[in-house]
Structure formats: C-alpha cells, structure tokens
Amino acid sequence: MTGQVRTVDGRVAGRRGQATRQKLLDCLSEMLSSSPYRDVKVIDVARKAGTSPATFYQYFPDVEGAVLEIAEQMATEGAGLTELLEGRTWAGKAGWQTAQELVDGFLEFWRRNDAILRVVDLGAAEGDKRFYKIRMKILNSVNNSLAQSITELQAKGRIDKDVNPAAIAGSLVAMLAAVASHQKGFSSWGVKQAELKPNLALLVHLGVTGKKPTK
C-alpha cells in the first residue's frame, strides 16, 4: 500500500502499520468469499491476520468500516472498465470485437470481485446509500461510456434519432450486472460459460447498433 494512511484516531500509520492494515483487509476479503457478511467478526479477522482485535480497531471502527474500504478500492479498480470502450468502434467486425471484449471484461471483473460485490449489492438493496454510491460508481464507468458511444452513432445517423442513449446504455449495463452476478446459475439452465459470452455480446451489439454484428 502506498500513500498516507491514518489510524482511527488520526495518527499517520508507518510502513509496518500500513502492511498490517492491508493484511487485515486481505484476510477479510478472503473470509467474505466463504462466510456470510454479517457472520464475520472482528476477532475472527484479527486471528486470521495473526494480530489482535485491538489492532483491528486501530484502523477500522468495525467490520462494516473495513468492508467499505475494500469496496472503495474495488470501485476504483472498476472505474477502469471505461477503458473497454474508450476509442473503440462499433462498425463492422471491429464492432463485434468491441461487444465481445466489453462482455468479457465486465464478467471477469465481477468474477474477480464476486465476494465483495455480493456485499455491495446487499447493502444497496437494503437502502444503504454508502453501498449504493459504490455500486453506481462501478456501473457508471461503463454506462457513461456506452451512452456516449450511442450518442456518437446517433449523430452520424447510424441509429434512429428517437433512441434515448441513456436509456439504452442503462438497460444494457443493468443486464450485464444481472448476468454477471448470476454466472454460476446459468449452468443449472444448461448454459456453459463459453456459450454465455457470445450470446450476451450479441445482445449488447444489437442494443447499441440495432443491427446484427458482422463476424
């Protein structure tokens, strides 16, 4: 970890303190992948990190505070999803590649952060504005770029002028998020991961361009 990190009481943590703090976050992340969020206790996180609850409380007010820190770090990483659309075209075969790479990158991000995203989704669904804000930060990184792409296509006369770019982009991103959070469930419907991606990419391409892709 780099940069200035402070303890709960405002002191600047040294290199060793920063390492301890990050280890606590790493252990908590690992525990969230196998335990329900509300079952995780401070004493369990501290024990797994090889330290004490008192040390945990030096850096975080409670488990929820530490979870929010992990979620914020993930949201910062998620903002990079916008790179999947920057400078990309939706014309011809390149447009089909854009749709595929967007789907692949989005699903991979969700798989990599599945545990913390489940907690974020739960908090947002329960009306916690902190978790809702984090969720929207992640989704907006794709939504805004996608809406801009649709607006540009509209300006070039390549899609209907009556299309609302924000509505289309928001619908597509909501679909991506729903599918990404349900990836394991598709197997129970007889859908393999290798089959899911191209079909999802097809829906994205159709939604953005209104046309079947050129493969």
C-alpha atoms as a PDB file:
ATOM      1  CA  MET A   1       0.000   0.000   0.000  1.00  0.00           C
ATOM      2  CA  THR A   2       1.270   3.450  -0.872  1.00  0.00           C
ATOM      3  CA  GLY A   3       0.239   6.920   0.219  1.00  0.00           C
ATOM      4  CA  GLN A   4      -0.609   8.312   3.630  1.00  0.00           C
ATOM      5  CA  VAL A   5      -2.820   6.091   5.779  1.00  0.00           C
ATOM      6  CA  ARG A   6      -4.243   7.167   9.102  1.00  0.00           C
ATOM      7  CA  THR A   7      -5.449   5.203  12.092  1.00  0.00           C
ATOM      8  CA  VAL A   8      -8.941   5.679  13.516  1.00  0.00           C
ATOM      9  CA  ASP A   9      -7.635   8.304  15.951  1.00  0.00           C
ATOM     10  CA  GLY A  10      -5.938  10.292  13.184  1.00  0.00           C
ATOM     11  CA  ARG A  11      -2.324   9.194  13.531  1.00  0.00           C
ATOM     12  CA  VAL A  12      -0.331   8.551  10.354  1.00  0.00           C
ATOM     13  CA  ALA A  13       0.430   4.850  10.032  1.00  0.00           C
ATOM     14  CA  GLY A  14       4.009   3.872   9.292  1.00  0.00           C
ATOM     15  CA  ARG A  15       5.091   1.272   6.774  1.00  0.00           C
ATOM     16  CA  ARG A  16       4.586  -1.577   9.218  1.00  0.00           C
ATOM     17  CA  GLY A  17       1.180  -0.270  10.221  1.00  0.00           C
ATOM     18  CA  GLN A  18       0.128   0.048   6.585  1.00  0.00           C
ATOM     19  CA  ALA A  19       1.192  -3.534   5.960  1.00  0.00           C
ATOM     20  CA  THR A  20      -0.815  -4.727   8.972  1.00  0.00           C
ATOM     21  CA  ARG A  21      -3.855  -2.769   7.829  1.00  0.00           C
ATOM     22  CA  GLN A  22      -3.653  -4.248   4.329  1.00  0.00           C
ATOM     23  CA  LYS A  23      -3.261  -7.748   5.745  1.00  0.00           C
ATOM     24  CA  LEU A  24      -6.443  -7.270   7.758  1.00  0.00           C
ATOM     25  CA  LEU A  25      -8.257  -6.198   4.589  1.00  0.00           C
ATOM     26  CA  ASP A  26      -6.866  -9.152   2.632  1.00  0.00           C
ATOM     27  CA  CYS A  27      -7.944 -11.602   5.335  1.00  0.00           C
ATOM     28  CA  LEU A  28     -11.401 -10.057   5.495  1.00  0.00           C
ATOM     29  CA  SER A  29     -11.740 -10.317   1.708  1.00  0.00           C
ATOM     30  CA  GLU A  30     -10.832 -13.983   1.870  1.00  0.00           C
ATOM     31  CA  MET A  31     -13.346 -14.621   4.649  1.00  0.00           C
ATOM     32  CA  LEU A  32     -16.147 -12.908   2.724  1.00  0.00           C
ATOM     33  CA  SER A  33     -15.709 -15.438  -0.079  1.00  0.00           C
ATOM     34  CA  SER A  34     -16.737 -18.283   2.218  1.00  0.00           C
ATOM     35  CA  SER A  35     -18.795 -16.701   5.025  1.00  0.00           C
ATOM     36  CA  PRO A  36     -21.939 -14.525   5.071  1.00  0.00           C
ATOM     37  CA  TYR A  37     -21.001 -10.879   5.585  1.00  0.00           C
ATOM     38  CA  ARG A  38     -22.826 -10.490   8.896  1.00  0.00           C
ATOM     39  CA  ASP A  39     -21.277 -13.665  10.329  1.00  0.00           C
ATOM     40  CA  VAL A  40     -17.748 -12.256  10.091  1.00  0.00           C
ATOM     41  CA  LYS A  41     -16.488 -10.970  13.449  1.00  0.00           C
ATOM     42  CA  VAL A  42     -13.580  -8.690  14.297  1.00  0.00           C
ATOM     43  CA  ILE A  43     -11.938 -11.323  16.463  1.00  0.00           C
ATOM     44  CA  ASP A  44     -12.010 -13.826  13.583  1.00  0.00           C
ATOM     45  CA  VAL A  45     -10.449 -11.373  11.123  1.00  0.00           C
ATOM     46  CA  ALA A  46      -7.751 -10.434  13.644  1.00  0.00           C
ATOM     47  CA  ARG A  47      -6.970 -14.060  14.419  1.00  0.00           C
ATOM     48  CA  LYS A  48      -6.661 -14.910  10.725  1.00  0.00           C
ATOM     49  CA  ALA A  49      -4.304 -11.955  10.237  1.00  0.00           C
ATOM     50  CA  GLY A  50      -2.209 -13.053  13.200  1.00  0.00           C
ATOM     51  CA  THR A  51      -2.966  -9.973  15.285  1.00  0.00           C
ATOM     52  CA  SER A  52      -5.423  -8.791  17.935  1.00  0.00           C
ATOM     53  CA  PRO A  53      -8.879  -7.156  17.875  1.00  0.00           C
ATOM     54  CA  ALA A  54      -7.273  -4.091  19.471  1.00  0.00           C
ATOM     55  CA  THR A  55      -5.017  -3.755  16.427  1.00  0.00           C
ATOM     56  CA  PHE A  56      -8.007  -4.115  14.109  1.00  0.00           C
ATOM     57  CA  TYR A  57      -9.767  -1.251  15.895  1.00  0.00           C
ATOM     58  CA  GLN A  58      -6.718   0.949  15.392  1.00  0.00           C
ATOM     59  CA  TYR A  59      -7.505   1.000  11.667  1.00  0.00           C
ATOM     60  CA  PHE A  60     -11.246   0.345  11.353  1.00  0.00           C
ATOM     61  CA  PRO A  61     -14.259   1.218  13.524  1.00  0.00           C
ATOM     62  CA  ASP A  62     -15.870  -2.166  12.837  1.00  0.00           C
ATOM     63  CA  VAL A  63     -16.157  -4.920  10.215  1.00  0.00           C
ATOM     64  CA  GLU A  64     -18.525  -2.811   8.126  1.00  0.00           C
ATOM     65  CA  GLY A  65     -15.982   0.005   8.016  1.00  0.00           C
ATOM     66  CA  ALA A  66     -13.336  -2.396   6.723  1.00  0.00           C
ATOM     67  CA  VAL A  67     -15.784  -3.831   4.163  1.00  0.00           C
ATOM     68  CA  LEU A  68     -16.468  -0.332   2.876  1.00  0.00           C
ATOM     69  CA  GLU A  69     -12.725   0.234   2.500  1.00  0.00           C
ATOM     70  CA  ILE A  70     -12.420  -2.935   0.385  1.00  0.00           C
ATOM     71  CA  ALA A  71     -15.458  -1.873  -1.646  1.00  0.00           C
ATOM     72  CA  GLU A  72     -13.977   1.572  -2.296  1.00  0.00           C
ATOM     73  CA  GLN A  73     -10.736   0.004  -3.518  1.00  0.00           C
ATOM     74  CA  MET A  74     -12.739  -2.271  -5.812  1.00  0.00           C
ATOM     75  CA  ALA A  75     -14.790   0.671  -7.124  1.00  0.00           C
ATOM     76  CA  THR A  76     -11.582   2.496  -8.011  1.00  0.00           C
ATOM     77  CA  GLU A  77     -10.473  -0.563  -9.959  1.00  0.00           C
ATOM     78  CA  GLY A  78     -13.932  -0.802 -11.526  1.00  0.00           C
ATOM     79  CA  ALA A  79     -13.649   2.727 -12.874  1.00  0.00           C
ATOM     80  CA  GLY A  80     -11.064   1.274 -15.238  1.00  0.00           C
ATOM     81  CA  LEU A  81     -13.845  -0.626 -17.033  1.00  0.00           C
ATOM     82  CA  THR A  82     -14.369   2.528 -19.075  1.00  0.00           C
ATOM     83  CA  GLU A  83     -11.153   1.615 -20.924  1.00  0.00           C
ATOM     84  CA  LEU A  84     -13.079  -1.243 -22.554  1.00  0.00           C
ATOM     85  CA  LEU A  85     -14.944   1.361 -24.611  1.00  0.00           C
ATOM     86  CA  GLU A  86     -12.520   4.257 -24.988  1.00  0.00           C
ATOM     87  CA  GLY A  87     -11.588   4.864 -28.602  1.00  0.00           C
ATOM     88  CA  ARG A  88     -13.448   1.759 -29.753  1.00  0.00           C
ATOM     89  CA  THR A  89     -15.627   1.494 -32.852  1.00  0.00           C
ATOM     90  CA  TRP A  90     -18.967  -0.276 -33.299  1.00  0.00           C
ATOM     91  CA  ALA A  91     -18.615  -0.600 -37.077  1.00  0.00           C
ATOM     92  CA  GLY A  92     -18.122  -3.882 -38.929  1.00  0.00           C
ATOM     93  CA  LYS A  93     -16.089  -6.725 -37.471  1.00  0.00           C
ATOM     94  CA  ALA A  94     -14.362  -4.309 -35.090  1.00  0.00           C
ATOM     95  CA  GLY A  95     -17.773  -3.533 -33.579  1.00  0.00           C
ATOM     96  CA  TRP A  96     -18.350  -7.200 -32.858  1.00  0.00           C
ATOM     97  CA  GLN A  97     -14.944  -7.362 -31.186  1.00  0.00           C
ATOM     98  CA  THR A  98     -15.836  -4.316 -29.059  1.00  0.00           C
ATOM     99  CA  ALA A  99     -19.015  -6.011 -27.844  1.00  0.00           C
ATOM    100  CA  GLN A 100     -17.169  -9.247 -27.037  1.00  0.00           C
ATOM    101  CA  GLU A 101     -14.357  -7.546 -25.143  1.00  0.00           C
ATOM    102  CA  LEU A 102     -16.820  -5.430 -23.156  1.00  0.00           C
ATOM    103  CA  VAL A 103     -18.723  -8.535 -22.087  1.00  0.00           C
ATOM    104  CA  ASP A 104     -15.545 -10.479 -21.324  1.00  0.00           C
ATOM    105  CA  GLY A 105     -14.037  -7.647 -19.252  1.00  0.00           C
ATOM    106  CA  PHE A 106     -17.269  -6.998 -17.366  1.00  0.00           C
ATOM    107  CA  LEU A 107     -17.840 -10.661 -16.464  1.00  0.00           C
ATOM    108  CA  GLU A 108     -14.200 -11.120 -15.457  1.00  0.00           C
ATOM    109  CA  PHE A 109     -14.339  -8.087 -13.153  1.00  0.00           C
ATOM    110  CA  TRP A 110     -17.455  -9.495 -11.496  1.00  0.00           C
ATOM    111  CA  ARG A 111     -15.905 -12.955 -11.051  1.00  0.00           C
ATOM    112  CA  ARG A 112     -12.733 -11.492  -9.584  1.00  0.00           C
ATOM    113  CA  ASN A 113     -14.673  -9.382  -7.057  1.00  0.00           C
ATOM    114  CA  ASP A 114     -17.660 -11.661  -6.536  1.00  0.00           C
ATOM    115  CA  ALA A 115     -17.497 -11.785  -2.732  1.00  0.00           C
ATOM    116  CA  ILE A 116     -17.354  -8.035  -2.088  1.00  0.00           C
ATOM    117  CA  LEU A 117     -19.827  -7.278  -4.886  1.00  0.00           C
ATOM    118  CA  ARG A 118     -22.386  -9.528  -3.180  1.00  0.00           C
ATOM    119  CA  VAL A 119     -21.998  -7.451  -0.035  1.00  0.00           C
ATOM    120  CA  VAL A 120     -22.261  -4.200  -2.002  1.00  0.00           C
ATOM    121  CA  ASP A 121     -25.408  -5.416  -3.759  1.00  0.00           C
ATOM    122  CA  LEU A 122     -26.942  -6.455  -0.440  1.00  0.00           C
ATOM    123  CA  GLY A 123     -26.187  -3.119   1.195  1.00  0.00           C
ATOM    124  CA  ALA A 124     -27.503  -1.180  -1.816  1.00  0.00           C
ATOM    125  CA  ALA A 125     -30.688  -3.275  -1.904  1.00  0.00           C
ATOM    126  CA  GLU A 126     -31.252  -2.542   1.786  1.00  0.00           C
ATOM    127  CA  GLY A 127     -31.050   1.188   1.117  1.00  0.00           C
ATOM    128  CA  ASP A 128     -27.558   1.879   2.473  1.00  0.00           C
ATOM    129  CA  LYS A 129     -26.500   4.947   0.489  1.00  0.00           C
ATOM    130  CA  ARG A 130     -22.804   4.225   1.013  1.00  0.00           C
ATOM    131  CA  PHE A 131     -23.037   0.870  -0.761  1.00  0.00           C
ATOM    132  CA  TYR A 132     -25.419   2.261  -3.380  1.00  0.00           C
ATOM    133  CA  LYS A 133     -22.928   5.018  -4.217  1.00  0.00           C
ATOM    134  CA  ILE A 134     -20.129   2.469  -4.633  1.00  0.00           C
ATOM    135  CA  ARG A 135     -22.293   0.265  -6.869  1.00  0.00           C
ATOM    136  CA  MET A 136     -23.219   3.196  -9.077  1.00  0.00           C
ATOM    137  CA  LYS A 137     -19.585   4.299  -9.313  1.00  0.00           C
ATOM    138  CA  ILE A 138     -18.735   0.919 -10.832  1.00  0.00           C
ATOM    139  CA  LEU A 139     -21.724   0.782 -13.192  1.00  0.00           C
ATOM    140  CA  ASN A 140     -21.351   4.415 -14.285  1.00  0.00           C
ATOM    141  CA  SER A 141     -17.871   3.706 -15.584  1.00  0.00           C
ATOM    142  CA  VAL A 142     -19.477   1.572 -18.297  1.00  0.00           C
ATOM    143  CA  ASN A 143     -22.848   3.303 -18.523  1.00  0.00           C
ATOM    144  CA  ASN A 144     -21.477   6.753 -19.312  1.00  0.00           C
ATOM    145  CA  SER A 145     -19.042   5.466 -21.939  1.00  0.00           C
ATOM    146  CA  LEU A 146     -21.718   3.313 -23.546  1.00  0.00           C
ATOM    147  CA  ALA A 147     -24.198   6.210 -23.658  1.00  0.00           C
ATOM    148  CA  GLN A 148     -21.521   8.349 -25.313  1.00  0.00           C
ATOM    149  CA  SER A 149     -20.904   5.661 -27.938  1.00  0.00           C
ATOM    150  CA  ILE A 150     -24.626   5.509 -28.735  1.00  0.00           C
ATOM    151  CA  THR A 151     -24.849   9.306 -28.909  1.00  0.00           C
ATOM    152  CA  GLU A 152     -21.987   9.371 -31.413  1.00  0.00           C
ATOM    153  CA  LEU A 153     -23.644   6.712 -33.570  1.00  0.00           C
ATOM    154  CA  GLN A 154     -26.876   8.693 -33.439  1.00  0.00           C
ATOM    155  CA  ALA A 155     -25.088  11.885 -34.529  1.00  0.00           C
ATOM    156  CA  LYS A 156     -23.703  10.012 -37.534  1.00  0.00           C
ATOM    157  CA  GLY A 157     -27.197   8.872 -38.499  1.00  0.00           C
ATOM    158  CA  ARG A 158     -26.379   5.215 -37.918  1.00  0.00           C
ATOM    159  CA  ILE A 159     -29.138   4.628 -35.385  1.00  0.00           C
ATOM    160  CA  ASP A 160     -32.656   6.019 -35.005  1.00  0.00           C
ATOM    161  CA  LYS A 161     -32.846   9.597 -33.747  1.00  0.00           C
ATOM    162  CA  ASP A 162     -35.690   8.631 -31.389  1.00  0.00           C
ATOM    163  CA  VAL A 163     -33.420   6.299 -29.407  1.00  0.00           C
ATOM    164  CA  ASN A 164     -32.559   7.573 -25.932  1.00  0.00           C
ATOM    165  CA  PRO A 165     -28.824   6.834 -25.438  1.00  0.00           C
ATOM    166  CA  ALA A 166     -29.018   6.996 -21.634  1.00  0.00           C
ATOM    167  CA  ALA A 167     -31.982   4.614 -21.529  1.00  0.00           C
ATOM    168  CA  ILE A 168     -30.342   2.094 -23.860  1.00  0.00           C
ATOM    169  CA  ALA A 169     -26.988   2.270 -22.055  1.00  0.00           C
ATOM    170  CA  GLY A 170     -28.615   1.952 -18.634  1.00  0.00           C
ATOM    171  CA  SER A 171     -30.665  -1.050 -19.737  1.00  0.00           C
ATOM    172  CA  LEU A 172     -27.627  -2.802 -21.192  1.00  0.00           C
ATOM    173  CA  VAL A 173     -25.495  -2.154 -18.106  1.00  0.00           C
ATOM    174  CA  ALA A 174     -28.285  -3.395 -15.824  1.00  0.00           C
ATOM    175  CA  MET A 175     -28.459  -6.545 -17.942  1.00  0.00           C
ATOM    176  CA  LEU A 176     -24.687  -7.034 -17.765  1.00  0.00           C
ATOM    177  CA  ALA A 177     -24.702  -6.617 -13.983  1.00  0.00           C
ATOM    178  CA  ALA A 178     -27.586  -9.051 -13.533  1.00  0.00           C
ATOM    179  CA  VAL A 179     -25.965 -11.680 -15.740  1.00  0.00           C
ATOM    180  CA  ALA A 180     -22.552 -11.154 -14.143  1.00  0.00           C
ATOM    181  CA  SER A 181     -23.941 -11.731 -10.648  1.00  0.00           C
ATOM    182  CA  HIS A 182     -25.759 -14.872 -11.816  1.00  0.00           C
ATOM    183  CA  GLN A 183     -22.948 -16.511 -13.793  1.00  0.00           C
ATOM    184  CA  LYS A 184     -22.874 -19.692 -11.723  1.00  0.00           C
ATOM    185  CA  GLY A 185     -26.648 -20.039 -12.013  1.00  0.00           C
ATOM    186  CA  PHE A 186     -26.559 -20.340 -15.799  1.00  0.00           C
ATOM    187  CA  SER A 187     -25.095 -23.837 -15.513  1.00  0.00           C
ATOM    188  CA  SER A 188     -28.333 -25.018 -13.887  1.00  0.00           C
ATOM    189  CA  TRP A 189     -30.106 -23.881 -17.076  1.00  0.00           C
ATOM    190  CA  GLY A 190     -27.709 -25.879 -19.214  1.00  0.00           C
ATOM    191  CA  VAL A 191     -25.784 -22.801 -20.375  1.00  0.00           C
ATOM    192  CA  LYS A 192     -21.998 -23.100 -20.451  1.00  0.00           C
ATOM    193  CA  GLN A 193     -19.749 -20.103 -19.865  1.00  0.00           C
ATOM    194  CA  ALA A 194     -18.366 -20.444 -23.385  1.00  0.00           C
ATOM    195  CA  GLU A 195     -21.925 -20.147 -24.723  1.00  0.00           C
ATOM    196  CA  LEU A 196     -22.942 -17.311 -22.450  1.00  0.00           C
ATOM    197  CA  LYS A 197     -20.356 -14.761 -23.573  1.00  0.00           C
ATOM    198  CA  PRO A 198     -21.089 -14.653 -27.336  1.00  0.00           C
ATOM    199  CA  ASN A 199     -24.843 -14.575 -26.794  1.00  0.00           C
ATOM    200  CA  LEU A 200     -24.543 -11.761 -24.289  1.00  0.00           C
ATOM    201  CA  ALA A 201     -22.216  -9.909 -26.666  1.00  0.00           C
ATOM    202  CA  LEU A 202     -24.849 -10.334 -29.392  1.00  0.00           C
ATOM    203  CA  LEU A 203     -27.475  -8.656 -27.203  1.00  0.00           C
ATOM    204  CA  VAL A 204     -25.089  -5.801 -26.389  1.00  0.00           C
ATOM    205  CA  HIS A 205     -24.234  -5.270 -30.061  1.00  0.00           C
ATOM    206  CA  LEU A 206     -27.902  -5.301 -31.041  1.00  0.00           C
ATOM    207  CA  GLY A 207     -28.720  -2.885 -28.249  1.00  0.00           C
ATOM    208  CA  VAL A 208     -26.027  -0.392 -29.221  1.00  0.00           C
ATOM    209  CA  THR A 209     -26.243  -0.550 -33.014  1.00  0.00           C
ATOM    210  CA  GLY A 210     -29.691  -2.002 -33.692  1.00  0.00           C
ATOM    211  CA  LYS A 211     -28.020  -4.453 -36.082  1.00  0.00           C
ATOM    212  CA  LYS A 212     -26.657  -7.987 -36.057  1.00  0.00           C
ATOM    213  CA  PRO A 213     -22.846  -7.981 -35.865  1.00  0.00           C
ATOM    214  CA  THR A 214     -20.539  -8.617 -38.789  1.00  0.00           C
ATOM    215  CA  LYS A 215     -18.447 -11.613 -37.780  1.00  0.00           C
END
